[in-house]
N, C-alpha and C. Protein backbone atom coordinates (compact mmCIF):
# COMPACT_ATOMS: atom_id res chain seq x y z
N MET A 1 37.69 -95.59 -3.74
CA MET A 1 38.46 -95.18 -4.96
C MET A 1 37.31 -94.39 -5.63
N TYR A 2 35.88 -94.58 -5.29
CA TYR A 2 35.15 -93.77 -5.94
C TYR A 2 35.15 -92.08 -5.66
N GLU A 3 35.09 -92.23 -4.40
CA GLU A 3 35.18 -90.70 -4.01
C GLU A 3 36.52 -90.09 -4.39
N LEU A 4 37.95 -90.59 -4.41
CA LEU A 4 39.36 -90.48 -4.71
C LEU A 4 38.86 -89.74 -6.23
N ILE A 5 38.33 -90.56 -7.37
CA ILE A 5 38.03 -90.17 -8.56
C ILE A 5 37.58 -89.04 -8.85
N ILE A 6 36.33 -88.61 -7.77
CA ILE A 6 35.62 -87.65 -7.65
C ILE A 6 36.17 -86.37 -7.10
N ILE A 7 37.30 -86.52 -6.26
CA ILE A 7 37.98 -85.20 -6.18
C ILE A 7 39.05 -84.89 -6.91
N VAL A 8 39.32 -85.79 -7.43
CA VAL A 8 40.06 -85.64 -8.80
C VAL A 8 39.29 -84.73 -10.11
N TYR A 9 38.52 -85.32 -10.05
CA TYR A 9 37.61 -84.46 -11.09
C TYR A 9 37.40 -83.17 -11.16
N LEU A 10 37.12 -83.04 -9.45
CA LEU A 10 36.41 -81.73 -9.22
C LEU A 10 37.79 -80.67 -9.50
N LEU A 11 38.94 -81.21 -9.22
CA LEU A 11 39.98 -80.21 -9.04
C LEU A 11 40.44 -80.24 -10.49
N VAL A 12 40.15 -81.07 -11.05
CA VAL A 12 40.78 -81.11 -12.93
C VAL A 12 40.04 -79.75 -13.40
N ALA A 13 38.68 -79.81 -13.07
CA ALA A 13 37.55 -79.00 -13.60
C ALA A 13 37.93 -77.49 -13.16
N LEU A 14 38.27 -77.14 -11.96
CA LEU A 14 38.38 -76.13 -11.33
C LEU A 14 39.59 -75.64 -12.17
N ALA A 15 40.66 -76.51 -12.21
CA ALA A 15 41.88 -76.15 -12.84
C ALA A 15 41.58 -75.53 -14.35
N ILE A 16 40.80 -76.25 -15.22
CA ILE A 16 40.16 -76.07 -16.49
C ILE A 16 39.90 -74.51 -16.65
N ILE A 17 38.83 -74.03 -15.52
CA ILE A 17 38.02 -73.10 -15.28
C ILE A 17 38.89 -71.94 -15.18
N GLY A 18 40.13 -72.15 -14.23
CA GLY A 18 41.15 -71.26 -13.91
C GLY A 18 41.96 -70.70 -14.94
N LEU A 19 42.32 -71.93 -15.80
CA LEU A 19 43.25 -71.65 -16.97
C LEU A 19 42.24 -70.90 -18.16
N VAL A 20 41.46 -71.30 -18.31
CA VAL A 20 40.58 -70.62 -19.61
C VAL A 20 40.27 -69.21 -19.01
N LEU A 21 40.00 -68.84 -17.70
CA LEU A 21 39.79 -67.42 -17.51
C LEU A 21 41.11 -66.53 -17.46
N ILE A 22 42.36 -67.42 -17.10
CA ILE A 22 43.53 -66.66 -17.34
C ILE A 22 44.48 -66.28 -18.73
N GLN A 23 43.85 -67.33 -19.72
CA GLN A 23 44.38 -66.97 -20.88
C GLN A 23 43.78 -65.81 -21.69
N GLN A 24 44.31 -65.22 -22.63
CA GLN A 24 43.78 -64.24 -23.40
C GLN A 24 43.57 -64.45 -24.66
N GLY A 25 42.43 -64.21 -25.40
CA GLY A 25 41.96 -64.77 -26.75
C GLY A 25 42.85 -63.63 -27.80
N LYS A 26 42.45 -64.47 -28.92
CA LYS A 26 43.28 -64.11 -30.14
C LYS A 26 43.00 -62.50 -30.69
N GLY A 27 41.77 -62.35 -30.31
CA GLY A 27 41.06 -61.01 -30.83
C GLY A 27 41.33 -59.80 -29.63
N ALA A 28 41.72 -60.22 -28.34
CA ALA A 28 42.06 -58.86 -27.41
C ALA A 28 42.98 -58.29 -28.05
N ASP A 29 43.88 -58.08 -28.79
CA ASP A 29 44.66 -57.01 -29.07
C ASP A 29 43.64 -56.16 -29.93
N MET A 30 42.83 -56.69 -30.81
CA MET A 30 41.90 -55.79 -31.88
C MET A 30 41.57 -54.89 -31.11
N GLY A 31 40.94 -54.41 -30.08
CA GLY A 31 40.34 -53.17 -30.10
C GLY A 31 41.40 -52.15 -29.76
N ALA A 32 42.43 -52.70 -29.03
CA ALA A 32 43.52 -51.75 -28.74
C ALA A 32 44.21 -51.10 -29.96
N SER A 33 44.51 -52.06 -30.95
CA SER A 33 45.30 -51.53 -31.90
C SER A 33 44.55 -52.04 -33.25
N PHE A 34 43.05 -51.04 -33.55
CA PHE A 34 42.52 -51.47 -34.55
C PHE A 34 43.21 -50.84 -35.73
N GLY A 35 43.57 -51.93 -36.64
CA GLY A 35 44.12 -51.70 -38.21
C GLY A 35 45.63 -51.71 -38.14
N ALA A 36 46.03 -51.80 -36.89
CA ALA A 36 47.49 -51.93 -37.12
C ALA A 36 48.03 -53.46 -36.89
N GLY A 37 47.75 -54.17 -37.99
CA GLY A 37 48.12 -55.77 -37.84
C GLY A 37 47.31 -56.58 -37.03
N ALA A 38 46.19 -56.03 -36.77
CA ALA A 38 45.28 -57.08 -35.53
C ALA A 38 44.90 -58.03 -36.78
N SER A 39 44.65 -57.70 -37.94
CA SER A 39 44.12 -58.87 -38.63
C SER A 39 44.86 -60.21 -39.02
N ALA A 40 46.63 -59.78 -38.72
CA ALA A 40 47.31 -60.87 -38.67
C ALA A 40 47.51 -61.71 -37.59
N SER A 41 46.96 -60.65 -36.46
CA SER A 41 47.20 -61.65 -35.35
C SER A 41 45.61 -62.48 -34.68
N LEU A 42 44.64 -62.25 -35.67
CA LEU A 42 43.24 -62.85 -35.51
C LEU A 42 43.04 -63.56 -36.47
N PHE A 43 43.68 -64.03 -37.52
CA PHE A 43 43.71 -64.73 -38.44
C PHE A 43 44.76 -65.72 -39.26
N GLY A 44 45.71 -64.93 -38.37
CA GLY A 44 47.26 -65.70 -39.32
C GLY A 44 47.13 -66.63 -38.42
N SER A 45 48.33 -67.55 -38.72
CA SER A 45 48.74 -68.71 -37.83
C SER A 45 49.13 -68.40 -36.07
N GLY A 46 48.69 -68.87 -35.27
CA GLY A 46 48.90 -68.84 -33.88
C GLY A 46 50.03 -69.46 -33.65
N GLY A 47 50.75 -70.42 -34.67
CA GLY A 47 52.01 -70.98 -34.14
C GLY A 47 51.96 -72.09 -33.39
N SER A 48 52.88 -72.33 -32.46
CA SER A 48 52.69 -73.79 -31.58
C SER A 48 52.12 -73.13 -30.39
N GLY A 49 51.37 -73.50 -29.72
CA GLY A 49 50.41 -73.66 -28.61
C GLY A 49 51.56 -73.11 -27.43
N ASN A 50 51.23 -72.28 -26.84
CA ASN A 50 52.15 -71.96 -25.26
C ASN A 50 51.79 -72.87 -24.11
N PHE A 51 52.27 -72.40 -23.33
CA PHE A 51 52.16 -73.60 -21.89
C PHE A 51 50.46 -73.89 -21.62
N LEU A 52 49.82 -72.34 -21.51
CA LEU A 52 48.72 -72.37 -21.05
C LEU A 52 47.89 -73.06 -21.88
N THR A 53 47.73 -72.89 -23.52
CA THR A 53 46.77 -73.92 -24.07
C THR A 53 47.14 -75.37 -24.16
N ARG A 54 48.53 -75.71 -24.00
CA ARG A 54 48.90 -76.80 -23.88
C ARG A 54 48.25 -77.65 -22.74
N THR A 55 48.59 -76.93 -21.25
CA THR A 55 47.90 -77.79 -20.24
C THR A 55 46.45 -77.41 -20.22
N THR A 56 45.78 -76.64 -20.82
CA THR A 56 44.14 -76.56 -20.92
C THR A 56 43.97 -77.99 -21.87
N GLY A 57 44.54 -78.28 -22.78
CA GLY A 57 44.11 -79.21 -23.75
C GLY A 57 44.40 -80.72 -22.91
N VAL A 58 45.63 -80.81 -22.03
CA VAL A 58 45.76 -82.20 -21.50
C VAL A 58 44.86 -82.25 -20.42
N LEU A 59 44.32 -81.16 -19.82
CA LEU A 59 43.13 -80.98 -18.68
C LEU A 59 41.84 -81.69 -19.40
N ALA A 60 41.64 -80.83 -20.58
CA ALA A 60 40.65 -81.10 -21.09
C ALA A 60 40.20 -82.94 -21.26
N THR A 61 41.61 -83.28 -21.94
CA THR A 61 41.38 -84.71 -22.14
C THR A 61 41.33 -85.69 -20.52
N ILE A 62 41.99 -85.24 -19.61
CA ILE A 62 41.95 -85.54 -18.35
C ILE A 62 40.30 -85.85 -17.89
N PHE A 63 39.93 -84.60 -17.91
CA PHE A 63 38.42 -84.39 -17.78
C PHE A 63 37.62 -85.20 -18.19
N PHE A 64 37.58 -85.55 -19.39
CA PHE A 64 36.76 -86.36 -20.63
C PHE A 64 36.74 -87.81 -20.19
N VAL A 65 38.25 -88.37 -19.66
CA VAL A 65 38.20 -89.85 -19.58
C VAL A 65 37.59 -89.71 -18.03
N LEU A 66 38.11 -88.99 -17.06
CA LEU A 66 37.41 -89.13 -15.87
C LEU A 66 35.81 -89.29 -16.09
N SER A 67 35.36 -88.35 -17.04
CA SER A 67 33.80 -88.46 -16.87
C SER A 67 33.38 -89.81 -17.18
N LEU A 68 34.06 -90.53 -18.46
CA LEU A 68 33.76 -91.80 -18.74
C LEU A 68 33.78 -92.89 -17.86
N ILE A 69 34.91 -92.74 -16.94
CA ILE A 69 35.37 -93.65 -15.71
C ILE A 69 34.19 -93.63 -14.54
N ILE A 70 33.94 -92.14 -14.32
CA ILE A 70 32.51 -91.93 -13.08
C ILE A 70 31.52 -92.53 -13.72
N GLY A 71 31.02 -92.36 -15.09
CA GLY A 71 29.78 -92.66 -15.67
C GLY A 71 29.92 -94.07 -15.57
N ASN A 72 30.79 -94.64 -15.96
CA ASN A 72 30.86 -96.55 -16.03
C ASN A 72 30.78 -97.02 -14.31
N LEU A 73 31.16 -96.46 -13.55
CA LEU A 73 31.24 -96.82 -11.97
C LEU A 73 30.08 -96.35 -11.44
N THR A 74 29.41 -95.32 -11.94
CA THR A 74 28.05 -94.96 -11.54
C THR A 74 27.04 -96.19 -11.88
N ASN A 75 27.20 -96.26 -13.16
CA ASN A 75 26.50 -97.55 -13.59
C ASN A 75 26.54 -98.75 -13.15
N ASN A 76 27.44 -99.15 -12.49
CA ASN A 76 27.80 -100.35 -12.16
C ASN A 76 27.06 -100.15 -10.52
N ARG A 77 27.46 -99.03 -9.85
CA ARG A 77 26.68 -99.00 -8.34
C ARG A 77 25.24 -99.12 -8.49
N VAL A 78 24.74 -98.76 -9.54
CA VAL A 78 23.19 -98.63 -9.37
C VAL A 78 23.02 -100.39 -9.71
N LYS A 79 23.65 -100.73 -10.63
CA LYS A 79 22.96 -102.57 -10.41
C LYS A 79 23.40 -103.15 -9.34
N GLN A 80 24.31 -102.96 -8.82
CA GLN A 80 24.57 -103.55 -7.18
C GLN A 80 23.53 -102.89 -6.72
N SER A 81 23.16 -102.02 -6.29
CA SER A 81 22.27 -101.55 -5.36
C SER A 81 20.76 -102.22 -5.35
N GLN A 82 20.56 -102.16 -6.75
CA GLN A 82 19.05 -102.93 -7.14
C GLN A 82 18.99 -104.43 -6.99
N GLU A 83 20.31 -105.31 -6.77
CA GLU A 83 20.33 -106.47 -6.53
C GLU A 83 19.44 -106.79 -4.90
N TRP A 84 20.28 -105.75 -4.52
CA TRP A 84 19.73 -106.07 -2.61
C TRP A 84 18.27 -105.84 -2.45
N GLU A 85 17.90 -104.92 -3.12
CA GLU A 85 16.64 -104.50 -2.98
C GLU A 85 15.50 -105.55 -3.12
N ASN A 86 15.70 -106.66 -4.14
CA ASN A 86 14.54 -107.51 -4.50
C ASN A 86 14.78 -108.76 -3.35
N LEU A 87 15.76 -108.86 -2.40
CA LEU A 87 15.72 -109.85 -1.59
C LEU A 87 14.48 -109.51 -0.34
N THR A 88 13.96 -108.17 -0.38
CA THR A 88 12.90 -108.29 0.88
C THR A 88 11.70 -108.53 0.13
N ASP A 89 11.60 -108.71 -1.23
CA ASP A 89 9.98 -109.14 -1.78
C ASP A 89 10.24 -110.42 -1.87
N ALA A 90 11.11 -110.94 -1.60
CA ALA A 90 11.11 -112.70 -2.02
C ALA A 90 10.21 -113.17 -1.21
N ALA A 91 10.51 -113.30 0.12
CA ALA A 91 10.05 -114.26 1.48
C ALA A 91 9.28 -113.09 2.58
N PRO A 92 7.92 -112.61 2.53
CA PRO A 92 7.64 -112.31 3.62
C PRO A 92 7.99 -112.59 4.97
N VAL A 93 8.30 -111.62 5.95
CA VAL A 93 8.39 -112.59 7.30
C VAL A 93 7.22 -112.56 8.20
N VAL A 94 6.93 -113.68 8.79
CA VAL A 94 5.49 -113.76 9.53
C VAL A 94 6.04 -113.90 10.98
N ILE A 95 5.50 -112.73 11.68
CA ILE A 95 5.74 -112.98 13.08
C ILE A 95 4.56 -113.97 13.71
N GLU A 96 4.97 -114.72 14.85
CA GLU A 96 3.82 -115.31 15.31
C GLU A 96 4.09 -114.57 16.90
N GLN A 97 2.82 -114.38 17.47
CA GLN A 97 2.78 -113.99 18.96
C GLN A 97 2.09 -114.78 19.69
N ASP A 98 2.01 -114.85 21.10
CA ASP A 98 1.83 -115.89 21.75
C ASP A 98 0.53 -114.62 22.41
N VAL A 99 -0.80 -115.14 22.16
CA VAL A 99 -2.21 -114.68 22.59
C VAL A 99 -2.58 -115.16 23.82
N PRO A 100 -2.88 -114.68 24.63
CA PRO A 100 -3.24 -115.10 26.04
C PRO A 100 -4.89 -115.51 26.01
N ALA A 101 -4.94 -116.53 26.61
CA ALA A 101 -6.29 -117.06 26.60
C ALA A 101 -7.17 -116.41 26.94
N SER A 102 -8.30 -116.15 26.09
CA SER A 102 -9.34 -115.14 26.78
C SER A 102 -10.45 -115.46 28.14
N ALA A 103 -10.03 -114.35 28.83
CA ALA A 103 -10.63 -114.46 30.58
C ALA A 103 -12.29 -114.98 30.43
N PRO A 104 -12.61 -115.92 31.38
CA PRO A 104 -13.81 -116.27 31.60
C PRO A 104 -14.71 -115.24 31.84
N GLU A 105 -16.15 -115.21 31.23
CA GLU A 105 -16.80 -114.11 31.36
C GLU A 105 -17.43 -113.58 32.35
N SER A 106 -17.16 -114.42 33.53
CA SER A 106 -17.32 -114.29 35.02
C SER A 106 -16.52 -113.04 35.50
N ASP A 107 -15.28 -113.12 34.87
CA ASP A 107 -14.21 -112.10 34.99
C ASP A 107 -14.40 -110.88 34.92
N ILE A 108 -15.14 -110.71 33.73
CA ILE A 108 -15.01 -109.31 32.92
C ILE A 108 -16.12 -108.61 33.85
N PRO A 109 -15.51 -107.38 34.37
CA PRO A 109 -16.42 -106.18 35.10
C PRO A 109 -17.80 -105.75 33.75
N GLN A 110 -18.70 -105.59 34.12
CA GLN A 110 -19.94 -105.17 33.36
C GLN A 110 -20.09 -103.58 33.80
């Protein structure tokens, strides 16, 4: 589930980037037609947003909601992983080994 949300999050981010790059700013006409009603298009009312601006707004909202969800899920994952780390510190493992009896001194070469 977490991986699916990350994939959707990345796709939404790329879609926002693409839509913002495609859109034309309000001041784009100002350079081409300086003085020919450019102030009305720059400072005037923009009217209702077109398809690209509305889609960008919807994707931005989805992006922020997914950011909050991913932050919450990541926080819960860190807490769960820390619970399992304390298990190794609780009781050290003691391994007993069979040690062969020492050989008599007469058998040891000098």
